[in-house]
Amino acid sequence: MAFIFGFIELSLAFYSYDLISELAREGTRYAIVHGSTCVTASGTSCTASAASIGTYVSGIGLPNLGAGTMSVAVSFPDGNEAPSSRVKVTVNYVFPYKVPFMMSGPISMSSNSEMYIIQ
């Protein structure tokens, strides 16, 4: 039984890693279209900051990513949000690995995504 529950927890850990990878990609995709020259059809600015990108990623709410703690870090390696500059989104997640009668403890995961701003 411990082996079965251990396998289930390990499968959930891999699933969680896939989800945080998707969150990092979604964050960079959001950032590349909301660069410093982003303007809506009505002429208002839609520029995204590091804080708004982090809020967007945290608010996506993918299914079954609970119980652990997640943090989002956004950086601009080229120093600005201008088109053709890079944006990097890093998602860190601590997965609580708990199996009766076996070793338990948190598993730290991290995934990042980096793309060029196009707008």
PDB file of N, CA and C in Angstrom:
ATOM      1  N   MET A   1       0.826  -1.198   0.000  1.00  0.00           N
ATOM      2  CA  MET A   1       0.000   0.000   0.000  1.00  0.00           C
ATOM      3  C   MET A   1       0.866   1.256   0.000  1.00  0.00           C
ATOM      4  N   ALA A   2       1.965   1.209   0.751  1.00  0.00           N
ATOM      5  CA  ALA A   2       2.849   2.376   0.795  1.00  0.00           C
ATOM      6  C   ALA A   2       3.429   2.642  -0.595  1.00  0.00           C
ATOM      7  N   PHE A   3       3.755   1.582  -1.337  1.00  0.00           N
ATOM      8  CA  PHE A   3       4.280   1.761  -2.693  1.00  0.00           C
ATOM      9  C   PHE A   3       3.243   2.416  -3.596  1.00  0.00           C
ATOM     10  N   ILE A   4       2.012   1.999  -3.490  1.00  0.00           N
ATOM     11  CA  ILE A   4       0.943   2.564  -4.327  1.00  0.00           C
ATOM     12  C   ILE A   4       0.738   4.037  -4.008  1.00  0.00           C
ATOM     13  N   PHE A   5       0.648   4.365  -2.720  1.00  0.00           N
ATOM     14  CA  PHE A   5       0.468   5.767  -2.352  1.00  0.00           C
ATOM     15  C   PHE A   5       1.693   6.607  -2.694  1.00  0.00           C
ATOM     16  N   GLY A   6       2.876   6.016  -2.573  1.00  0.00           N
ATOM     17  CA  GLY A   6       4.100   6.713  -2.978  1.00  0.00           C
ATOM     18  C   GLY A   6       4.106   7.018  -4.467  1.00  0.00           C
ATOM     19  N   PHE A   7       3.659   6.044  -5.265  1.00  0.00           N
ATOM     20  CA  PHE A   7       3.575   6.250  -6.709  1.00  0.00           C
ATOM     21  C   PHE A   7       2.560   7.337  -7.051  1.00  0.00           C
ATOM     22  N   ILE A   8       1.433   7.358  -6.345  1.00  0.00           N
ATOM     23  CA  ILE A   8       0.415   8.396  -6.578  1.00  0.00           C
ATOM     24  C   ILE A   8       0.986   9.774  -6.255  1.00  0.00           C
ATOM     25  N   GLU A   9       1.688   9.906  -5.124  1.00  0.00           N
ATOM     26  CA  GLU A   9       2.280  11.193  -4.745  1.00  0.00           C
ATOM     27  C   GLU A   9       3.342  11.624  -5.760  1.00  0.00           C
ATOM     28  N   LEU A  10       4.133  10.691  -6.227  1.00  0.00           N
ATOM     29  CA  LEU A  10       5.154  11.009  -7.222  1.00  0.00           C
ATOM     30  C   LEU A  10       4.508  11.466  -8.531  1.00  0.00           C
ATOM     31  N   SER A  11       3.424  10.814  -8.909  1.00  0.00           N
ATOM     32  CA  SER A  11       2.684  11.227 -10.104  1.00  0.00           C
ATOM     33  C   SER A  11       2.123  12.633  -9.940  1.00  0.00           C
ATOM     34  N   LEU A  12       1.614  12.953  -8.753  1.00  0.00           N
ATOM     35  CA  LEU A  12       1.120  14.305  -8.486  1.00  0.00           C
ATOM     36  C   LEU A  12       2.247  15.333  -8.527  1.00  0.00           C
ATOM     37  N   ALA A  13       3.438  14.936  -8.106  1.00  0.00           N
ATOM     38  CA  ALA A  13       4.587  15.841  -8.173  1.00  0.00           C
ATOM     39  C   ALA A  13       4.940  16.154  -9.634  1.00  0.00           C
ATOM     40  N   PHE A  14       4.958  15.141 -10.490  1.00  0.00           N
ATOM     41  CA  PHE A  14       5.231  15.367 -11.916  1.00  0.00           C
ATOM     42  C   PHE A  14       4.139  16.226 -12.553  1.00  0.00           C
ATOM     43  N   TYR A  15       2.901  15.985 -12.170  1.00  0.00           N
ATOM     44  CA  TYR A  15       1.782  16.785 -12.665  1.00  0.00           C
ATOM     45  C   TYR A  15       1.937  18.246 -12.236  1.00  0.00           C
ATOM     46  N   SER A  16       2.331  18.459 -10.990  1.00  0.00           N
ATOM     47  CA  SER A  16       2.534  19.821 -10.489  1.00  0.00           C
ATOM     48  C   SER A  16       3.662  20.511 -11.236  1.00  0.00           C
ATOM     49  N   TYR A  17       4.741  19.786 -11.539  1.00  0.00           N
ATOM     50  CA  TYR A  17       5.837  20.379 -12.293  1.00  0.00           C
ATOM     51  C   TYR A  17       5.372  20.798 -13.683  1.00  0.00           C
ATOM     52  N   ASP A  18       4.556  19.970 -14.310  1.00  0.00           N
ATOM     53  CA  ASP A  18       4.012  20.322 -15.622  1.00  0.00           C
ATOM     54  C   ASP A  18       3.159  21.589 -15.523  1.00  0.00           C
ATOM     55  N   LEU A  19       2.392  21.717 -14.467  1.00  0.00           N
ATOM     56  CA  LEU A  19       1.551  22.905 -14.293  1.00  0.00           C
ATOM     57  C   LEU A  19       2.378  24.165 -14.060  1.00  0.00           C
ATOM     58  N   ILE A  20       3.433  24.081 -13.260  1.00  0.00           N
ATOM     59  CA  ILE A  20       4.223  25.300 -13.044  1.00  0.00           C
ATOM     60  C   ILE A  20       5.009  25.673 -14.299  1.00  0.00           C
ATOM     61  N   SER A  21       5.352  24.674 -15.120  1.00  0.00           N
ATOM     62  CA  SER A  21       5.980  24.982 -16.413  1.00  0.00           C
ATOM     63  C   SER A  21       5.006  25.743 -17.310  1.00  0.00           C
ATOM     64  N   GLU A  22       3.762  25.312 -17.304  1.00  0.00           N
ATOM     65  CA  GLU A  22       2.734  26.001 -18.088  1.00  0.00           C
ATOM     66  C   GLU A  22       2.507  27.415 -17.551  1.00  0.00           C
ATOM     67  N   LEU A  23       2.523  27.592 -16.247  1.00  0.00           N
ATOM     68  CA  LEU A  23       2.358  28.928 -15.668  1.00  0.00           C
ATOM     69  C   LEU A  23       3.486  29.855 -16.095  1.00  0.00           C
ATOM     70  N   ALA A  24       4.715  29.359 -16.128  1.00  0.00           N
ATOM     71  CA  ALA A  24       5.844  30.183 -16.566  1.00  0.00           C
ATOM     72  C   ALA A  24       5.681  30.579 -18.030  1.00  0.00           C
ATOM     73  N   ARG A  25       5.267  29.651 -18.866  1.00  0.00           N
ATOM     74  CA  ARG A  25       5.053  29.964 -20.289  1.00  0.00           C
ATOM     75  C   ARG A  25       3.926  30.971 -20.463  1.00  0.00           C
ATOM     76  N   GLU A  26       2.827  30.795 -19.728  1.00  0.00           N
ATOM     77  CA  GLU A  26       1.700  31.736 -19.825  1.00  0.00           C
ATOM     78  C   GLU A  26       2.125  33.135 -19.385  1.00  0.00           C
ATOM     79  N   GLY A  27       2.956  33.207 -18.356  1.00  0.00           N
ATOM     80  CA  GLY A  27       3.443  34.508 -17.893  1.00  0.00           C
ATOM     81  C   GLY A  27       4.282  35.221 -18.932  1.00  0.00           C
ATOM     82  N   THR A  28       5.167  34.500 -19.607  1.00  0.00           N
ATOM     83  CA  THR A  28       5.979  35.141 -20.637  1.00  0.00           C
ATOM     84  C   THR A  28       5.138  35.494 -21.855  1.00  0.00           C
ATOM     85  N   ARG A  29       4.177  34.662 -22.184  1.00  0.00           N
ATOM     86  CA  ARG A  29       3.304  34.994 -23.320  1.00  0.00           C
ATOM     87  C   ARG A  29       2.490  36.251 -23.031  1.00  0.00           C
ATOM     88  N   TYR A  30       2.041  36.393 -21.784  1.00  0.00           N
ATOM     89  CA  TYR A  30       1.320  37.609 -21.390  1.00  0.00           C
ATOM     90  C   TYR A  30       2.254  38.820 -21.477  1.00  0.00           C
ATOM     91  N   ALA A  31       3.493  38.653 -21.040  1.00  0.00           N
ATOM     92  CA  ALA A  31       4.436  39.767 -21.009  1.00  0.00           C
ATOM     93  C   ALA A  31       4.880  40.212 -22.407  1.00  0.00           C
ATOM     94  N   ILE A  32       5.041  39.270 -23.336  1.00  0.00           N
ATOM     95  CA  ILE A  32       5.574  39.663 -24.645  1.00  0.00           C
ATOM     96  C   ILE A  32       4.583  40.494 -25.457  1.00  0.00           C
ATOM     97  N   VAL A  33       3.296  40.358 -25.181  1.00  0.00           N
ATOM     98  CA  VAL A  33       2.321  41.171 -25.916  1.00  0.00           C
ATOM     99  C   VAL A  33       1.904  42.413 -25.137  1.00  0.00           C
ATOM    100  N   HIS A  34       2.424  42.576 -23.919  1.00  0.00           N
ATOM    101  CA  HIS A  34       2.128  43.758 -23.118  1.00  0.00           C
ATOM    102  C   HIS A  34       3.410  44.521 -22.801  1.00  0.00           C
ATOM    103  N   GLY A  35       4.255  44.710 -23.800  1.00  0.00           N
ATOM    104  CA  GLY A  35       5.506  45.437 -23.623  1.00  0.00           C
ATOM    105  C   GLY A  35       5.275  46.937 -23.523  1.00  0.00           C
ATOM    106  N   SER A  36       6.348  47.709 -23.614  1.00  0.00           N
ATOM    107  CA  SER A  36       6.265  49.160 -23.392  1.00  0.00           C
ATOM    108  C   SER A  36       5.495  49.898 -24.480  1.00  0.00           C
ATOM    109  N   THR A  37       5.274  49.293 -25.641  1.00  0.00           N
ATOM    110  CA  THR A  37       4.539  49.970 -26.711  1.00  0.00           C
ATOM    111  C   THR A  37       3.117  49.463 -26.861  1.00  0.00           C
ATOM    112  N   CYS A  38       2.634  48.696 -25.900  1.00  0.00           N
ATOM    113  CA  CYS A  38       1.287  48.135 -25.971  1.00  0.00           C
ATOM    114  C   CYS A  38       0.235  49.223 -25.786  1.00  0.00           C
ATOM    115  N   VAL A  39      -0.677  49.309 -26.753  1.00  0.00           N
ATOM    116  CA  VAL A  39      -1.771  50.283 -26.704  1.00  0.00           C
ATOM    117  C   VAL A  39      -3.050  49.571 -27.136  1.00  0.00           C
ATOM    118  N   THR A  40      -4.139  49.806 -26.410  1.00  0.00           N
ATOM    119  CA  THR A  40      -5.419  49.190 -26.760  1.00  0.00           C
ATOM    120  C   THR A  40      -6.044  49.922 -27.936  1.00  0.00           C
ATOM    121  N   ALA A  41      -7.146  49.402 -28.432  1.00  0.00           N
ATOM    122  CA  ALA A  41      -7.838  50.026 -29.563  1.00  0.00           C
ATOM    123  C   ALA A  41      -8.328  51.431 -29.223  1.00  0.00           C
ATOM    124  N   SER A  42      -8.602  51.693 -27.949  1.00  0.00           N
ATOM    125  CA  SER A  42      -9.082  53.021 -27.545  1.00  0.00           C
ATOM    126  C   SER A  42      -7.931  53.988 -27.275  1.00  0.00           C
ATOM    127  N   GLY A  43      -6.690  53.521 -27.425  1.00  0.00           N
ATOM    128  CA  GLY A  43      -5.537  54.402 -27.266  1.00  0.00           C
ATOM    129  C   GLY A  43      -4.941  54.426 -25.871  1.00  0.00           C
ATOM    130  N   THR A  44      -5.439  53.629 -24.951  1.00  0.00           N
ATOM    131  CA  THR A  44      -4.875  53.590 -23.606  1.00  0.00           C
ATOM    132  C   THR A  44      -3.743  52.573 -23.533  1.00  0.00           C
ATOM    133  N   SER A  45      -2.832  52.817 -22.634  1.00  0.00           N
ATOM    134  CA  SER A  45      -1.673  51.946 -22.480  1.00  0.00           C
ATOM    135  C   SER A  45      -2.073  50.629 -21.815  1.00  0.00           C
ATOM    136  N   CYS A  46      -1.491  49.540 -22.288  1.00  0.00           N
ATOM    137  CA  CYS A  46      -1.727  48.233 -21.672  1.00  0.00           C
ATOM    138  C   CYS A  46      -0.398  47.588 -21.294  1.00  0.00           C
ATOM    139  N   THR A  47       0.585  48.423 -20.956  1.00  0.00           N
ATOM    140  CA  THR A  47       1.906  47.944 -20.594  1.00  0.00           C
ATOM    141  C   THR A  47       1.855  47.151 -19.296  1.00  0.00           C
ATOM    142  N   ALA A  48       2.523  46.020 -19.277  1.00  0.00           N
ATOM    143  CA  ALA A  48       2.564  45.154 -18.093  1.00  0.00           C
ATOM    144  C   ALA A  48       3.861  45.386 -17.331  1.00  0.00           C
ATOM    145  N   SER A  49       3.757  45.466 -16.025  1.00  0.00           N
ATOM    146  CA  SER A  49       4.932  45.579 -15.163  1.00  0.00           C
ATOM    147  C   SER A  49       5.237  44.203 -14.570  1.00  0.00           C
ATOM    148  N   ALA A  50       6.352  44.111 -13.880  1.00  0.00           N
ATOM    149  CA  ALA A  50       6.706  42.842 -13.242  1.00  0.00           C
ATOM    150  C   ALA A  50       5.639  42.428 -12.231  1.00  0.00           C
ATOM    151  N   ALA A  51       5.101  43.392 -11.513  1.00  0.00           N
ATOM    152  CA  ALA A  51       4.061  43.078 -10.516  1.00  0.00           C
ATOM    153  C   ALA A  51       2.778  42.588 -11.178  1.00  0.00           C
ATOM    154  N   SER A  52       2.370  43.227 -12.275  1.00  0.00           N
ATOM    155  CA  SER A  52       1.130  42.801 -12.933  1.00  0.00           C
ATOM    156  C   SER A  52       1.287  41.438 -13.603  1.00  0.00           C
ATOM    157  N   ILE A  53       2.477  41.130 -14.091  1.00  0.00           N
ATOM    158  CA  ILE A  53       2.721  39.804 -14.670  1.00  0.00           C
ATOM    159  C   ILE A  53       2.663  38.743 -13.577  1.00  0.00           C
ATOM    160  N   GLY A  54       3.268  39.023 -12.426  1.00  0.00           N
ATOM    161  CA  GLY A  54       3.218  38.100 -11.295  1.00  0.00           C
ATOM    162  C   GLY A  54       1.799  37.870 -10.804  1.00  0.00           C
ATOM    163  N   THR A  55       1.008  38.949 -10.757  1.00  0.00           N
ATOM    164  CA  THR A  55      -0.393  38.828 -10.355  1.00  0.00           C
ATOM    165  C   THR A  55      -1.178  38.000 -11.360  1.00  0.00           C
ATOM    166  N   TYR A  56      -0.903  38.206 -12.641  1.00  0.00           N
ATOM    167  CA  TYR A  56      -1.586  37.440 -13.688  1.00  0.00           C
ATOM    168  C   TYR A  56      -1.287  35.953 -13.544  1.00  0.00           C
ATOM    169  N   VAL A  57      -0.006  35.613 -13.365  1.00  0.00           N
ATOM    170  CA  VAL A  57       0.385  34.198 -13.247  1.00  0.00           C
ATOM    171  C   VAL A  57      -0.227  33.578 -11.995  1.00  0.00           C
ATOM    172  N   SER A  58      -0.195  34.290 -10.887  1.00  0.00           N
ATOM    173  CA  SER A  58      -0.759  33.757  -9.640  1.00  0.00           C
ATOM    174  C   SER A  58      -2.265  33.579  -9.723  1.00  0.00           C
ATOM    175  N   GLY A  59      -2.929  34.377 -10.557  1.00  0.00           N
ATOM    176  CA  GLY A  59      -4.377  34.313 -10.665  1.00  0.00           C
ATOM    177  C   GLY A  59      -4.905  33.344 -11.695  1.00  0.00           C
ATOM    178  N   ILE A  60      -4.035  32.688 -12.440  1.00  0.00           N
ATOM    179  CA  ILE A  60      -4.506  31.750 -13.464  1.00  0.00           C
ATOM    180  C   ILE A  60      -5.291  30.611 -12.828  1.00  0.00           C
ATOM    181  N   GLY A  61      -4.812  30.081 -11.742  1.00  0.00           N
ATOM    182  CA  GLY A  61      -5.557  29.061 -11.005  1.00  0.00           C
ATOM    183  C   GLY A  61      -5.747  27.756 -11.745  1.00  0.00           C
ATOM    184  N   LEU A  62      -4.660  27.152 -12.159  1.00  0.00           N
ATOM    185  CA  LEU A  62      -4.759  25.851 -12.815  1.00  0.00           C
ATOM    186  C   LEU A  62      -5.265  24.806 -11.830  1.00  0.00           C
ATOM    187  N   PRO A  63      -5.954  23.780 -12.310  1.00  0.00           N
ATOM    188  CA  PRO A  63      -6.586  22.807 -11.409  1.00  0.00           C
ATOM    189  C   PRO A  63      -5.587  21.960 -10.622  1.00  0.00           C
ATOM    190  N   ASN A  64      -5.965  21.658  -9.400  1.00  0.00           N
ATOM    191  CA  ASN A  64      -5.247  20.731  -8.521  1.00  0.00           C
ATOM    192  C   ASN A  64      -3.846  21.177  -8.135  1.00  0.00           C
ATOM    193  N   LEU A  65      -3.532  22.441  -8.251  1.00  0.00           N
ATOM    194  CA  LEU A  65      -2.243  22.938  -7.779  1.00  0.00           C
ATOM    195  C   LEU A  65      -2.510  23.629  -6.452  1.00  0.00           C
ATOM    196  N   GLY A  66      -2.647  22.841  -5.425  1.00  0.00           N
ATOM    197  CA  GLY A  66      -2.962  23.376  -4.112  1.00  0.00           C
ATOM    198  C   GLY A  66      -2.017  22.811  -3.082  1.00  0.00           C
ATOM    199  N   ALA A  67      -2.251  23.105  -1.864  1.00  0.00           N
ATOM    200  CA  ALA A  67      -1.535  22.578  -0.712  1.00  0.00           C
ATOM    201  C   ALA A  67      -0.075  23.026  -0.636  1.00  0.00           C
ATOM    202  N   GLY A  68       0.568  23.341  -1.713  1.00  0.00           N
ATOM    203  CA  GLY A  68       1.949  23.796  -1.690  1.00  0.00           C
ATOM    204  C   GLY A  68       2.022  25.316  -1.760  1.00  0.00           C
ATOM    205  N   THR A  69       3.226  25.832  -1.722  1.00  0.00           N
ATOM    206  CA  THR A  69       3.409  27.280  -1.816  1.00  0.00           C
ATOM    207  C   THR A  69       4.094  27.620  -3.132  1.00  0.00           C
ATOM    208  N   MET A  70       3.594  28.662  -3.782  1.00  0.00           N
ATOM    209  CA  MET A  70       4.109  29.074  -5.077  1.00  0.00           C
ATOM    210  C   MET A  70       4.566  30.519  -5.007  1.00  0.00           C
ATOM    211  N   SER A  71       5.656  30.827  -5.690  1.00  0.00           N
ATOM    212  CA  SER A  71       6.116  32.207  -5.827  1.00  0.00           C
ATOM    213  C   SER A  71       6.490  32.450  -7.278  1.00  0.00           C
ATOM    214  N   VAL A  72       6.302  33.690  -7.713  1.00  0.00           N
ATOM    215  CA  VAL A  72       6.568  34.062  -9.099  1.00  0.00           C
ATOM    216  C   VAL A  72       7.575  35.207  -9.107  1.00  0.00           C
ATOM    217  N   ALA A  73       8.614  35.081  -9.915  1.00  0.00           N
ATOM    218  CA  ALA A  73       9.611  36.138 -10.073  1.00  0.00           C
ATOM    219  C   ALA A  73       9.674  36.522 -11.549  1.00  0.00           C
ATOM    220  N   VAL A  74       9.609  37.822 -11.813  1.00  0.00           N
ATOM    221  CA  VAL A  74       9.660  38.326 -13.181  1.00  0.00           C
ATOM    222  C   VAL A  74      10.873  39.240 -13.301  1.00  0.00           C
ATOM    223  N   SER A  75      11.648  39.057 -14.355  1.00  0.00           N
ATOM    224  CA  SER A  75      12.804  39.923 -14.578  1.00  0.00           C
ATOM    225  C   SER A  75      12.906  40.270 -16.057  1.00  0.00           C
ATOM    226  N   PHE A  76      13.573  41.360 -16.311  1.00  0.00           N
ATOM    227  CA  PHE A  76      13.836  41.811 -17.672  1.00  0.00           C
ATOM    228  C   PHE A  76      15.358  41.830 -17.837  1.00  0.00           C
ATOM    229  N   PRO A  77      15.948  40.747 -18.372  1.00  0.00           N
ATOM    230  CA  PRO A  77      17.405  40.632 -18.444  1.00  0.00           C
ATOM    231  C   PRO A  77      18.093  41.767 -19.209  1.00  0.00           C
ATOM    232  N   ASP A  78      17.395  42.371 -20.151  1.00  0.00           N
ATOM    233  CA  ASP A  78      17.989  43.468 -20.915  1.00  0.00           C
ATOM    234  C   ASP A  78      17.761  44.816 -20.252  1.00  0.00           C
ATOM    235  N   GLY A  79      17.057  44.842 -19.140  1.00  0.00           N
ATOM    236  CA  GLY A  79      16.887  46.068 -18.372  1.00  0.00           C
ATOM    237  C   GLY A  79      15.687  46.919 -18.716  1.00  0.00           C
ATOM    238  N   ASN A  80      14.900  46.545 -19.713  1.00  0.00           N
ATOM    239  CA  ASN A  80      13.723  47.352 -20.056  1.00  0.00           C
ATOM    240  C   ASN A  80      12.630  46.470 -20.638  1.00  0.00           C
ATOM    241  N   GLU A  81      11.482  47.100 -20.893  1.00  0.00           N
ATOM    242  CA  GLU A  81      10.326  46.377 -21.435  1.00  0.00           C
ATOM    243  C   GLU A  81      10.068  46.734 -22.894  1.00  0.00           C
ATOM    244  N   ALA A  82      11.082  47.196 -23.584  1.00  0.00           N
ATOM    245  CA  ALA A  82      10.940  47.607 -24.980  1.00  0.00           C
ATOM    246  C   ALA A  82      10.887  46.384 -25.891  1.00  0.00           C
ATOM    247  N   PRO A  83      10.265  46.541 -27.066  1.00  0.00           N
ATOM    248  CA  PRO A  83      10.257  45.430 -28.020  1.00  0.00           C
ATOM    249  C   PRO A  83      11.679  44.984 -28.350  1.00  0.00           C
ATOM    250  N   SER A  84      11.839  43.717 -28.565  1.00  0.00           N
ATOM    251  CA  SER A  84      13.091  43.005 -28.829  1.00  0.00           C
ATOM    252  C   SER A  84      13.949  42.833 -27.578  1.00  0.00           C
ATOM    253  N   SER A  85      13.452  43.219 -26.411  1.00  0.00           N
ATOM    254  CA  SER A  85      14.113  42.913 -25.140  1.00  0.00           C
ATOM    255  C   SER A  85      13.526  41.619 -24.600  1.00  0.00           C
ATOM    256  N   ARG A  86      14.211  41.005 -23.659  1.00  0.00           N
ATOM    257  CA  ARG A  86      13.764  39.729 -23.120  1.00  0.00           C
ATOM    258  C   ARG A  86      13.000  39.914 -21.808  1.00  0.00           C
ATOM    259  N   VAL A  87      12.086  38.989 -21.573  1.00  0.00           N
ATOM    260  CA  VAL A  87      11.393  38.883 -20.282  1.00  0.00           C
ATOM    261  C   VAL A  87      11.553  37.444 -19.804  1.00  0.00           C
ATOM    262  N   LYS A  88      11.792  37.298 -18.502  1.00  0.00           N
ATOM    263  CA  LYS A  88      11.981  35.970 -17.924  1.00  0.00           C
ATOM    264  C   LYS A  88      11.036  35.822 -16.734  1.00  0.00           C
ATOM    265  N   VAL A  89      10.236  34.772 -16.750  1.00  0.00           N
ATOM    266  CA  VAL A  89       9.303  34.470 -15.662  1.00  0.00           C
ATOM    267  C   VAL A  89       9.739  33.155 -15.034  1.00  0.00           C
ATOM    268  N   THR A  90       9.956  33.185 -13.720  1.00  0.00           N
ATOM    269  CA  THR A  90      10.357  32.005 -12.972  1.00  0.00           C
ATOM    270  C   THR A  90       9.277  31.687 -11.943  1.00  0.00           C
ATOM    271  N   VAL A  91       8.813  30.452 -11.949  1.00  0.00           N
ATOM    272  CA  VAL A  91       7.803  29.998 -10.987  1.00  0.00           C
ATOM    273  C   VAL A  91       8.450  28.962 -10.089  1.00  0.00           C
ATOM    274  N   ASN A  92       8.416  29.218  -8.789  1.00  0.00           N
ATOM    275  CA  ASN A  92       8.930  28.287  -7.788  1.00  0.00           C
ATOM    276  C   ASN A  92       7.752  27.691  -7.032  1.00  0.00           C
ATOM    277  N   TYR A  93       7.814  26.392  -6.776  1.00  0.00           N
ATOM    278  CA  TYR A  93       6.725  25.712  -6.094  1.00  0.00           C
ATOM    279  C   TYR A  93       7.299  24.685  -5.130  1.00  0.00           C
ATOM    280  N   VAL A  94       6.748  24.626  -3.943  1.00  0.00           N
ATOM    281  CA  VAL A  94       7.150  23.626  -2.952  1.00  0.00           C
ATOM    282  C   VAL A  94       6.011  22.627  -2.832  1.00  0.00           C
ATOM    283  N   PHE A  95       6.265  21.407  -3.292  1.00  0.00           N
ATOM    284  CA  PHE A  95       5.266  20.340  -3.274  1.00  0.00           C
ATOM    285  C   PHE A  95       5.382  19.569  -1.969  1.00  0.00           C
ATOM    286  N   PRO A  96       4.296  19.469  -1.197  1.00  0.00           N
ATOM    287  CA  PRO A  96       4.353  18.726   0.066  1.00  0.00           C
ATOM    288  C   PRO A  96       4.210  17.224  -0.171  1.00  0.00           C
ATOM    289  N   TYR A  97       5.314  16.508  -0.146  1.00  0.00           N
ATOM    290  CA  TYR A  97       5.329  15.063  -0.400  1.00  0.00           C
ATOM    291  C   TYR A  97       5.082  14.341   0.919  1.00  0.00           C
ATOM    292  N   LYS A  98       3.947  13.661   1.031  1.00  0.00           N
ATOM    293  CA  LYS A  98       3.583  12.965   2.270  1.00  0.00           C
ATOM    294  C   LYS A  98       3.056  11.570   1.944  1.00  0.00           C
ATOM    295  N   VAL A  99       3.752  10.561   2.432  1.00  0.00           N
ATOM    296  CA  VAL A  99       3.313   9.176   2.253  1.00  0.00           C
ATOM    297  C   VAL A  99       3.474   8.467   3.594  1.00  0.00           C
ATOM    298  N   PRO A 100       2.434   7.820   4.090  1.00  0.00           N
ATOM    299  CA  PRO A 100       2.549   7.098   5.363  1.00  0.00           C
ATOM    300  C   PRO A 100       3.602   5.988   5.285  1.00  0.00           C
ATOM    301  N   PHE A 101       4.353   5.827   6.340  1.00  0.00           N
ATOM    302  CA  PHE A 101       5.364   4.781   6.491  1.00  0.00           C
ATOM    303  C   PHE A 101       6.547   4.926   5.531  1.00  0.00           C
ATOM    304  N   MET A 102       6.662   6.097   4.886  1.00  0.00           N
ATOM    305  CA  MET A 102       7.789   6.333   3.986  1.00  0.00           C
ATOM    306  C   MET A 102       8.363   7.706   4.273  1.00  0.00           C
ATOM    307  N   MET A 103       9.472   7.987   3.639  1.00  0.00           N
ATOM    308  CA  MET A 103      10.097   9.291   3.777  1.00  0.00           C
ATOM    309  C   MET A 103       9.153  10.369   3.227  1.00  0.00           C
ATOM    310  N   SER A 104       8.999  11.431   3.972  1.00  0.00           N
ATOM    311  CA  SER A 104       8.149  12.532   3.543  1.00  0.00           C
ATOM    312  C   SER A 104       8.932  13.826   3.664  1.00  0.00           C
ATOM    313  N   GLY A 105       8.468  14.817   2.981  1.00  0.00           N
ATOM    314  CA  GLY A 105       9.102  16.131   3.033  1.00  0.00           C
ATOM    315  C   GLY A 105       8.771  16.929   1.797  1.00  0.00           C
ATOM    316  N   PRO A 106       9.087  18.173   1.805  1.00  0.00           N
ATOM    317  CA  PRO A 106       8.760  19.011   0.640  1.00  0.00           C
ATOM    318  C   PRO A 106       9.736  18.785  -0.516  1.00  0.00           C
ATOM    319  N   ILE A 107       9.209  18.899  -1.716  1.00  0.00           N
ATOM    320  CA  ILE A 107      10.018  18.832  -2.937  1.00  0.00           C
ATOM    321  C   ILE A 107       9.960  20.213  -3.581  1.00  0.00           C
ATOM    322  N   SER A 108      11.101  20.862  -3.709  1.00  0.00           N
ATOM    323  CA  SER A 108      11.156  22.186  -4.332  1.00  0.00           C
ATOM    324  C   SER A 108      11.283  22.039  -5.838  1.00  0.00           C
ATOM    325  N   MET A 109      10.434  22.764  -6.550  1.00  0.00           N
ATOM    326  CA  MET A 109      10.438  22.731  -8.017  1.00  0.00           C
ATOM    327  C   MET A 109      10.568  24.151  -8.538  1.00  0.00           C
ATOM    328  N   SER A 110      11.180  24.284  -9.683  1.00  0.00           N
ATOM    329  CA  SER A 110      11.310  25.591 -10.307  1.00  0.00           C
ATOM    330  C   SER A 110      11.264  25.432 -11.824  1.00  0.00           C
ATOM    331  N   SER A 111      10.584  26.338 -12.467  1.00  0.00           N
ATOM    332  CA  SER A 111      10.525  26.337 -13.929  1.00  0.00           C
ATOM    333  C   SER A 111      10.577  27.785 -14.386  1.00  0.00           C
ATOM    334  N   ASN A 112      11.279  28.023 -15.484  1.00  0.00           N
ATOM    335  CA  ASN A 112      11.299  29.384 -16.021  1.00  0.00           C
ATOM    336  C   ASN A 112      11.100  29.375 -17.521  1.00  0.00           C
ATOM    337  N   SER A 113      10.726  30.516 -18.011  1.00  0.00           N
ATOM    338  CA  SER A 113      10.494  30.704 -19.434  1.00  0.00           C
ATOM    339  C   SER A 113      11.002  32.090 -19.808  1.00  0.00           C
ATOM    340  N   GLU A 114      11.659  32.171 -20.938  1.00  0.00           N
ATOM    341  CA  GLU A 114      12.215  33.445 -21.396  1.00  0.00           C
ATOM    342  C   GLU A 114      11.873  33.647 -22.867  1.00  0.00           C
ATOM    343  N   MET A 115      11.356  34.831 -23.187  1.00  0.00           N
ATOM    344  CA  MET A 115      10.981  35.157 -24.567  1.00  0.00           C
ATOM    345  C   MET A 115      11.312  36.615 -24.850  1.00  0.00           C
ATOM    346  N   TYR A 116      11.262  36.976 -26.109  1.00  0.00           N
ATOM    347  CA  TYR A 116      11.464  38.355 -26.538  1.00  0.00           C
ATOM    348  C   TYR A 116      10.141  39.098 -26.611  1.00  0.00           C
ATOM    349  N   ILE A 117      10.129  40.327 -26.123  1.00  0.00           N
ATOM    350  CA  ILE A 117       8.934  41.163 -26.167  1.00  0.00           C
ATOM    351  C   ILE A 117       8.700  41.580 -27.613  1.00  0.00           C
ATOM    352  N   ILE A 118       7.464  41.429 -28.078  1.00  0.00           N
ATOM    353  CA  ILE A 118       7.182  41.744 -29.479  1.00  0.00           C
ATOM    354  C   ILE A 118       6.381  43.015 -29.669  1.00  0.00           C
ATOM    355  N   GLN A 119       5.854  43.578 -28.583  1.00  0.00           N
ATOM    356  CA  GLN A 119       4.998  44.761 -28.753  1.00  0.00           C
ATOM    357  C   GLN A 119       5.337  45.803 -27.727  1.00  0.00           C
TER     358      GLN A 119
END
